[in-house]
Amino acid sequence: MVVPVGGVLSRKTPLNVDVPEQELERRVTLFLSNLEQIARTPHRLAVGLFFSAVGWLFLAVCLWLSLYSLGYAIPVEAPLFIVPLAMTASVTPLPGGFGGIDAAYILLLVSLTNVPLPVITAALLVFRAGTYLLPVIAGGAAVTMLEANRR
């Protein structure tokens, strides 16, 4: 059943992956130009890596605080390991990685800590609300205010 349906769909919705040679050359040139710029200014790369590491650290602290607020103090190094590893689940083809990342968080927290699953689920809801939804809401409000002031 899947093969005939797939065949019909592929004939009805062909994928056009042909990129004109000039466009491909432009993209490669731009990529190489960006790499050269990074090589010329390694301090900018170091600053970017520093702020990235600080961001990961804050995410790990938020996860730890989410569990601590529910009465479970896990080892501090656990979220430092779990957060980056769970983020690798963002390669799943889901919008925003939502679902895949959460499943990875649950799997890792259940297997690496002695926290019960209902508590992990509650802590993860608090964690994701604070690190995923709250910035989206705050950013949306900021954009709305900036656009209103611009007019």
N, C-alpha and C. Protein backbone atom coordinates (compact mmCIF):
# COMPACT_ATOMS: atom_id res chain seq x y z
N MET A 1 0.82 -1.20 0.00
CA MET A 1 0.00 0.00 0.00
C MET A 1 0.87 1.26 0.00
N VAL A 2 1.96 1.26 0.76
CA VAL A 2 2.81 2.44 0.87
C VAL A 2 3.51 2.73 -0.45
N VAL A 3 4.00 1.69 -1.12
CA VAL A 3 4.74 1.89 -2.37
C VAL A 3 3.87 2.52 -3.45
N PRO A 4 2.64 1.98 -3.71
CA PRO A 4 1.81 2.63 -4.73
C PRO A 4 1.44 4.07 -4.38
N VAL A 5 1.12 4.32 -3.11
CA VAL A 5 0.77 5.69 -2.69
C VAL A 5 1.98 6.60 -2.86
N GLY A 6 3.16 6.11 -2.45
CA GLY A 6 4.38 6.90 -2.59
C GLY A 6 4.68 7.20 -4.04
N GLY A 7 4.46 6.22 -4.91
CA GLY A 7 4.69 6.44 -6.34
C GLY A 7 3.75 7.48 -6.91
N VAL A 8 2.49 7.42 -6.54
CA VAL A 8 1.51 8.40 -7.02
C VAL A 8 1.86 9.79 -6.50
N LEU A 9 2.19 9.89 -5.22
CA LEU A 9 2.53 11.19 -4.65
C LEU A 9 3.78 11.78 -5.29
N SER A 10 4.77 10.94 -5.56
CA SER A 10 5.99 11.47 -6.15
C SER A 10 5.76 11.96 -7.56
N ARG A 11 4.82 11.36 -8.29
CA ARG A 11 4.50 11.85 -9.63
C ARG A 11 3.68 13.13 -9.57
N LYS A 12 2.83 13.25 -8.56
CA LYS A 12 1.96 14.42 -8.43
C LYS A 12 2.68 15.62 -7.82
N THR A 13 3.65 15.37 -6.96
CA THR A 13 4.39 16.44 -6.29
C THR A 13 5.88 16.22 -6.47
N PRO A 14 6.40 16.50 -7.66
CA PRO A 14 7.83 16.26 -7.88
C PRO A 14 8.68 17.24 -7.07
N LEU A 15 9.78 16.75 -6.57
CA LEU A 15 10.71 17.59 -5.83
C LEU A 15 11.69 18.21 -6.81
N ASN A 16 11.80 19.50 -6.78
CA ASN A 16 12.73 20.18 -7.66
C ASN A 16 13.95 20.54 -6.84
N VAL A 17 14.99 19.75 -6.96
CA VAL A 17 16.21 20.00 -6.20
C VAL A 17 17.32 20.55 -7.08
N ASP A 18 16.95 20.89 -8.31
CA ASP A 18 17.94 21.46 -9.21
C ASP A 18 18.24 22.89 -8.80
N VAL A 19 19.50 23.14 -8.47
CA VAL A 19 19.95 24.48 -8.13
C VAL A 19 20.80 24.95 -9.29
N PRO A 20 20.49 26.12 -9.84
CA PRO A 20 21.32 26.62 -10.94
C PRO A 20 22.78 26.71 -10.52
N GLU A 21 23.65 26.46 -11.47
CA GLU A 21 25.09 26.42 -11.17
C GLU A 21 25.58 27.75 -10.59
N GLN A 22 25.07 28.86 -11.10
CA GLN A 22 25.50 30.16 -10.59
C GLN A 22 25.07 30.36 -9.13
N GLU A 23 23.86 29.89 -8.80
CA GLU A 23 23.38 30.01 -7.42
C GLU A 23 24.21 29.14 -6.49
N LEU A 24 24.53 27.95 -6.93
CA LEU A 24 25.36 27.05 -6.13
C LEU A 24 26.74 27.66 -5.91
N GLU A 25 27.30 28.23 -6.97
CA GLU A 25 28.62 28.87 -6.85
C GLU A 25 28.56 30.06 -5.89
N ARG A 26 27.47 30.83 -5.95
CA ARG A 26 27.31 31.97 -5.04
C ARG A 26 27.23 31.52 -3.60
N ARG A 27 26.50 30.44 -3.35
CA ARG A 27 26.36 29.93 -1.98
C ARG A 27 27.69 29.42 -1.43
N VAL A 28 28.43 28.69 -2.25
CA VAL A 28 29.73 28.17 -1.81
C VAL A 28 30.69 29.31 -1.55
N THR A 29 30.69 30.31 -2.43
CA THR A 29 31.56 31.47 -2.25
C THR A 29 31.22 32.22 -0.96
N LEU A 30 29.94 32.40 -0.70
CA LEU A 30 29.51 33.06 0.53
C LEU A 30 29.93 32.26 1.76
N PHE A 31 29.77 30.94 1.69
CA PHE A 31 30.18 30.08 2.81
C PHE A 31 31.67 30.21 3.07
N LEU A 32 32.48 30.14 2.01
CA LEU A 32 33.93 30.25 2.17
C LEU A 32 34.32 31.64 2.67
N SER A 33 33.62 32.65 2.22
CA SER A 33 33.88 34.01 2.69
C SER A 33 33.61 34.13 4.19
N ASN A 34 32.52 33.52 4.64
CA ASN A 34 32.21 33.53 6.07
C ASN A 34 33.25 32.78 6.88
N LEU A 35 33.73 31.66 6.37
CA LEU A 35 34.80 30.92 7.06
C LEU A 35 36.07 31.75 7.14
N GLU A 36 36.41 32.46 6.08
CA GLU A 36 37.59 33.32 6.09
C GLU A 36 37.44 34.45 7.10
N GLN A 37 36.25 35.00 7.20
CA GLN A 37 36.01 36.07 8.18
C GLN A 37 36.19 35.55 9.60
N ILE A 38 35.73 34.34 9.86
CA ILE A 38 35.91 33.75 11.18
C ILE A 38 37.39 33.51 11.45
N ALA A 39 38.12 33.05 10.44
CA ALA A 39 39.56 32.79 10.61
C ALA A 39 40.32 34.09 10.87
N ARG A 40 39.87 35.20 10.28
CA ARG A 40 40.56 36.48 10.48
C ARG A 40 40.27 37.09 11.84
N THR A 41 39.15 36.73 12.45
CA THR A 41 38.77 37.32 13.74
C THR A 41 38.44 36.21 14.74
N PRO A 42 39.44 35.47 15.19
CA PRO A 42 39.16 34.36 16.10
C PRO A 42 38.60 34.81 17.45
N HIS A 43 38.87 36.07 17.84
CA HIS A 43 38.31 36.54 19.11
C HIS A 43 36.78 36.61 19.04
N ARG A 44 36.23 36.92 17.87
CA ARG A 44 34.77 36.94 17.73
C ARG A 44 34.20 35.54 17.89
N LEU A 45 34.92 34.56 17.35
CA LEU A 45 34.49 33.17 17.51
C LEU A 45 34.54 32.78 18.99
N ALA A 46 35.62 33.19 19.67
CA ALA A 46 35.75 32.87 21.09
C ALA A 46 34.62 33.51 21.90
N VAL A 47 34.28 34.75 21.57
CA VAL A 47 33.18 35.43 22.27
C VAL A 47 31.87 34.70 22.01
N GLY A 48 31.63 34.31 20.77
CA GLY A 48 30.42 33.56 20.44
C GLY A 48 30.34 32.23 21.17
N LEU A 49 31.46 31.52 21.22
CA LEU A 49 31.49 30.24 21.93
C LEU A 49 31.27 30.44 23.43
N PHE A 50 31.83 31.52 23.97
CA PHE A 50 31.64 31.81 25.39
C PHE A 50 30.16 32.04 25.70
N PHE A 51 29.51 32.90 24.93
CA PHE A 51 28.09 33.17 25.19
C PHE A 51 27.22 31.95 24.93
N SER A 52 27.62 31.12 23.99
CA SER A 52 26.89 29.88 23.75
C SER A 52 27.00 28.96 24.97
N ALA A 53 28.21 28.85 25.51
CA ALA A 53 28.41 28.02 26.70
C ALA A 53 27.62 28.56 27.89
N VAL A 54 27.58 29.88 28.03
CA VAL A 54 26.80 30.48 29.12
C VAL A 54 25.32 30.17 28.94
N GLY A 55 24.83 30.21 27.71
CA GLY A 55 23.44 29.86 27.44
C GLY A 55 23.12 28.43 27.81
N TRP A 56 24.02 27.50 27.45
CA TRP A 56 23.83 26.09 27.83
C TRP A 56 23.85 25.93 29.34
N LEU A 57 24.74 26.67 30.01
CA LEU A 57 24.82 26.61 31.47
C LEU A 57 23.51 27.08 32.10
N PHE A 58 22.95 28.17 31.58
CA PHE A 58 21.67 28.66 32.11
C PHE A 58 20.55 27.65 31.89
N LEU A 59 20.54 26.98 30.74
CA LEU A 59 19.53 25.94 30.50
C LEU A 59 19.67 24.82 31.52
N ALA A 60 20.91 24.41 31.78
CA ALA A 60 21.14 23.34 32.75
C ALA A 60 20.69 23.77 34.15
N VAL A 61 20.98 25.02 34.51
CA VAL A 61 20.55 25.53 35.81
C VAL A 61 19.02 25.56 35.90
N CYS A 62 18.37 25.97 34.82
CA CYS A 62 16.89 25.98 34.82
C CYS A 62 16.32 24.58 35.00
N LEU A 63 16.92 23.59 34.35
CA LEU A 63 16.45 22.21 34.52
C LEU A 63 16.65 21.76 35.96
N TRP A 64 17.81 22.06 36.53
CA TRP A 64 18.08 21.68 37.91
C TRP A 64 17.08 22.36 38.85
N LEU A 65 16.84 23.66 38.63
CA LEU A 65 15.90 24.40 39.48
C LEU A 65 14.47 23.88 39.34
N SER A 66 14.10 23.45 38.15
CA SER A 66 12.75 22.90 37.94
C SER A 66 12.55 21.65 38.78
N LEU A 67 13.56 20.79 38.83
CA LEU A 67 13.46 19.59 39.65
C LEU A 67 13.56 19.93 41.14
N TYR A 68 14.43 20.86 41.48
CA TYR A 68 14.61 21.25 42.88
C TYR A 68 13.33 21.88 43.44
N SER A 69 12.63 22.64 42.60
CA SER A 69 11.40 23.28 43.07
C SER A 69 10.31 22.26 43.39
N LEU A 70 10.45 21.05 42.86
CA LEU A 70 9.50 19.98 43.14
C LEU A 70 10.01 19.02 44.22
N GLY A 71 11.12 19.41 44.87
CA GLY A 71 11.63 18.64 45.99
C GLY A 71 12.67 17.59 45.66
N TYR A 72 13.26 17.64 44.47
CA TYR A 72 14.26 16.65 44.08
C TYR A 72 15.54 17.36 43.67
N ALA A 73 16.58 17.19 44.48
CA ALA A 73 17.88 17.78 44.18
C ALA A 73 18.74 16.71 43.52
N ILE A 74 18.90 16.82 42.22
CA ILE A 74 19.74 15.87 41.49
C ILE A 74 21.17 16.40 41.48
N PRO A 75 22.15 15.56 41.20
CA PRO A 75 23.53 16.06 41.12
C PRO A 75 23.65 17.18 40.08
N VAL A 76 24.43 18.18 40.39
CA VAL A 76 24.55 19.35 39.52
C VAL A 76 25.08 18.97 38.14
N GLU A 77 25.94 17.97 38.08
CA GLU A 77 26.51 17.60 36.78
C GLU A 77 25.51 16.88 35.87
N ALA A 78 24.43 16.36 36.42
CA ALA A 78 23.44 15.64 35.60
C ALA A 78 22.83 16.55 34.54
N PRO A 79 22.30 17.73 34.89
CA PRO A 79 21.75 18.58 33.83
C PRO A 79 22.81 19.10 32.86
N LEU A 80 24.05 19.25 33.35
CA LEU A 80 25.12 19.69 32.45
C LEU A 80 25.39 18.64 31.36
N PHE A 81 25.10 17.39 31.66
CA PHE A 81 25.24 16.31 30.68
C PHE A 81 23.95 16.12 29.88
N ILE A 82 22.81 16.21 30.57
CA ILE A 82 21.52 15.89 29.96
C ILE A 82 21.09 16.95 28.94
N VAL A 83 21.25 18.22 29.25
CA VAL A 83 20.74 19.29 28.37
C VAL A 83 21.37 19.22 26.98
N PRO A 84 22.71 19.20 26.84
CA PRO A 84 23.26 19.14 25.48
C PRO A 84 22.92 17.83 24.76
N LEU A 85 22.91 16.74 25.51
CA LEU A 85 22.61 15.45 24.87
C LEU A 85 21.16 15.41 24.39
N ALA A 86 20.25 15.93 25.19
CA ALA A 86 18.83 15.94 24.78
C ALA A 86 18.62 16.84 23.57
N MET A 87 19.39 17.89 23.46
CA MET A 87 19.23 18.81 22.33
C MET A 87 19.60 18.15 21.01
N THR A 88 20.37 17.08 21.05
CA THR A 88 20.68 16.38 19.80
C THR A 88 19.43 15.76 19.19
N ALA A 89 18.39 15.61 19.99
CA ALA A 89 17.12 15.09 19.46
C ALA A 89 16.41 16.12 18.59
N SER A 90 16.94 17.32 18.51
CA SER A 90 16.31 18.34 17.67
C SER A 90 16.46 18.03 16.19
N VAL A 91 17.23 17.01 15.86
CA VAL A 91 17.35 16.61 14.46
C VAL A 91 16.11 15.88 13.97
N THR A 92 15.20 15.56 14.89
CA THR A 92 13.96 14.91 14.48
C THR A 92 13.14 15.88 13.65
N PRO A 93 12.45 15.38 12.64
CA PRO A 93 11.71 16.28 11.74
C PRO A 93 10.38 16.74 12.33
N LEU A 94 10.45 17.37 13.49
CA LEU A 94 9.26 17.90 14.14
C LEU A 94 9.39 19.41 14.21
N PRO A 95 8.29 20.14 14.17
CA PRO A 95 8.38 21.60 14.24
C PRO A 95 9.07 22.06 15.52
N GLY A 96 10.18 22.73 15.37
CA GLY A 96 10.91 23.24 16.52
C GLY A 96 11.56 22.14 17.36
N GLY A 97 11.57 20.91 16.86
CA GLY A 97 12.11 19.80 17.63
C GLY A 97 11.24 19.42 18.80
N PHE A 98 10.07 20.07 18.89
CA PHE A 98 9.18 19.85 20.03
C PHE A 98 8.69 18.41 20.03
N GLY A 99 8.84 17.74 21.11
CA GLY A 99 8.43 16.34 21.22
C GLY A 99 9.65 15.44 21.28
N GLY A 100 10.51 15.54 20.30
CA GLY A 100 11.72 14.73 20.28
C GLY A 100 12.67 15.11 21.40
N ILE A 101 12.84 16.39 21.59
CA ILE A 101 13.71 16.87 22.67
C ILE A 101 13.12 16.49 24.02
N ASP A 102 11.82 16.66 24.15
CA ASP A 102 11.17 16.34 25.42
C ASP A 102 11.26 14.85 25.74
N ALA A 103 11.10 14.02 24.73
CA ALA A 103 11.24 12.57 24.93
C ALA A 103 12.67 12.24 25.37
N ALA A 104 13.64 12.91 24.77
CA ALA A 104 15.04 12.68 25.16
C ALA A 104 15.28 13.14 26.60
N TYR A 105 14.72 14.28 26.98
CA TYR A 105 14.85 14.73 28.37
C TYR A 105 14.28 13.69 29.33
N ILE A 106 13.09 13.21 29.03
CA ILE A 106 12.45 12.22 29.91
C ILE A 106 13.28 10.96 29.97
N LEU A 107 13.71 10.46 28.83
CA LEU A 107 14.52 9.23 28.79
C LEU A 107 15.80 9.39 29.60
N LEU A 108 16.49 10.50 29.42
CA LEU A 108 17.75 10.72 30.13
C LEU A 108 17.53 10.94 31.63
N LEU A 109 16.52 11.70 31.98
CA LEU A 109 16.27 11.95 33.41
C LEU A 109 15.83 10.68 34.13
N VAL A 110 15.00 9.87 33.48
CA VAL A 110 14.56 8.62 34.10
C VAL A 110 15.74 7.67 34.28
N SER A 111 16.60 7.59 33.26
CA SER A 111 17.69 6.62 33.33
C SER A 111 18.87 7.09 34.17
N LEU A 112 19.05 8.40 34.33
CA LEU A 112 20.24 8.89 35.04
C LEU A 112 19.97 9.42 36.44
N THR A 113 18.70 9.56 36.80
CA THR A 113 18.38 10.05 38.14
C THR A 113 17.39 9.10 38.80
N ASN A 114 17.16 9.29 40.07
CA ASN A 114 16.19 8.45 40.78
C ASN A 114 14.88 9.20 41.01
N VAL A 115 14.58 10.14 40.13
CA VAL A 115 13.36 10.94 40.25
C VAL A 115 12.21 10.19 39.57
N PRO A 116 11.05 10.11 40.22
CA PRO A 116 9.90 9.42 39.61
C PRO A 116 9.42 10.11 38.33
N LEU A 117 8.89 9.32 37.43
CA LEU A 117 8.44 9.83 36.13
C LEU A 117 7.41 10.97 36.24
N PRO A 118 6.41 10.88 37.12
CA PRO A 118 5.46 12.01 37.21
C PRO A 118 6.14 13.33 37.61
N VAL A 119 7.12 13.25 38.48
CA VAL A 119 7.85 14.46 38.90
C VAL A 119 8.69 14.98 37.74
N ILE A 120 9.33 14.07 37.00
CA ILE A 120 10.12 14.48 35.84
C ILE A 120 9.22 15.17 34.82
N THR A 121 8.05 14.61 34.59
CA THR A 121 7.12 15.20 33.63
C THR A 121 6.70 16.60 34.07
N ALA A 122 6.37 16.76 35.34
CA ALA A 122 5.98 18.08 35.86
C ALA A 122 7.15 19.07 35.76
N ALA A 123 8.34 18.62 36.15
CA ALA A 123 9.52 19.49 36.09
C ALA A 123 9.82 19.88 34.65
N LEU A 124 9.65 18.95 33.73
CA LEU A 124 9.91 19.24 32.33
C LEU A 124 8.90 20.24 31.77
N LEU A 125 7.66 20.16 32.22
CA LEU A 125 6.66 21.15 31.80
C LEU A 125 7.03 22.54 32.30
N VAL A 126 7.47 22.62 33.55
CA VAL A 126 7.91 23.91 34.11
C VAL A 126 9.15 24.41 33.35
N PHE A 127 10.10 23.52 33.13
CA PHE A 127 11.35 23.87 32.44
C PHE A 127 11.07 24.37 31.03
N ARG A 128 10.26 23.64 30.27
CA ARG A 128 9.98 24.03 28.88
C ARG A 128 9.15 25.32 28.83
N ALA A 129 8.25 25.50 29.79
CA ALA A 129 7.47 26.74 29.82
C ALA A 129 8.40 27.94 30.05
N GLY A 130 9.37 27.76 30.93
CA GLY A 130 10.28 28.85 31.25
C GLY A 130 11.34 29.10 30.20
N THR A 131 11.76 28.06 29.49
CA THR A 131 12.86 28.22 28.54
C THR A 131 12.41 28.23 27.09
N TYR A 132 11.17 27.86 26.83
CA TYR A 132 10.69 27.78 25.45
C TYR A 132 9.53 28.74 25.21
N LEU A 133 8.51 28.64 26.03
CA LEU A 133 7.32 29.47 25.81
C LEU A 133 7.48 30.90 26.31
N LEU A 134 8.08 31.07 27.48
CA LEU A 134 8.23 32.41 28.04
C LEU A 134 9.04 33.34 27.13
N PRO A 135 10.19 32.89 26.58
CA PRO A 135 10.91 33.78 25.65
C PRO A 135 10.12 34.11 24.39
N VAL A 136 9.32 33.17 23.90
CA VAL A 136 8.50 33.44 22.72
C VAL A 136 7.46 34.50 23.03
N ILE A 137 6.81 34.38 24.18
CA ILE A 137 5.80 35.37 24.57
C ILE A 137 6.44 36.74 24.80
N ALA A 138 7.57 36.76 25.52
CA ALA A 138 8.25 38.03 25.78
C ALA A 138 8.76 38.65 24.48
N GLY A 139 9.30 37.83 23.60
CA GLY A 139 9.76 38.35 22.31
C GLY A 139 8.63 38.89 21.47
N GLY A 140 7.50 38.19 21.46
CA GLY A 140 6.34 38.67 20.73
C GLY A 140 5.83 39.99 21.26
N ALA A 141 5.81 40.12 22.57
CA ALA A 141 5.38 41.39 23.19
C ALA A 141 6.36 42.51 22.85
N ALA A 142 7.66 42.20 22.88
CA ALA A 142 8.66 43.22 22.56
C ALA A 142 8.54 43.68 21.12
N VAL A 143 8.36 42.75 20.20
CA VAL A 143 8.21 43.11 18.79
C VAL A 143 6.95 43.95 18.59
N THR A 144 5.87 43.58 19.25
CA THR A 144 4.63 44.34 19.14
C THR A 144 4.82 45.77 19.63
N MET A 145 5.48 45.93 20.77
CA MET A 145 5.71 47.27 21.32
C MET A 145 6.64 48.08 20.41
N LEU A 146 7.69 47.45 19.91
CA LEU A 146 8.62 48.16 19.03
C LEU A 146 7.94 48.59 17.74
N GLU A 147 7.12 47.73 17.19
CA GLU A 147 6.39 48.08 15.97
C GLU A 147 5.39 49.20 16.23
N ALA A 148 4.73 49.17 17.38
CA ALA A 148 3.77 50.23 17.72
C ALA A 148 4.48 51.57 17.88
N ASN A 149 5.67 51.56 18.48
CA ASN A 149 6.43 52.80 18.66
C ASN A 149 6.99 53.31 17.34
N ARG A 150 7.25 52.41 16.42
CA ARG A 150 7.82 52.80 15.13
C ARG A 150 6.81 53.55 14.27
N ARG A 151 5.55 53.27 14.47
CA ARG A 151 4.51 53.90 13.63
C ARG A 151 4.17 55.22 14.12
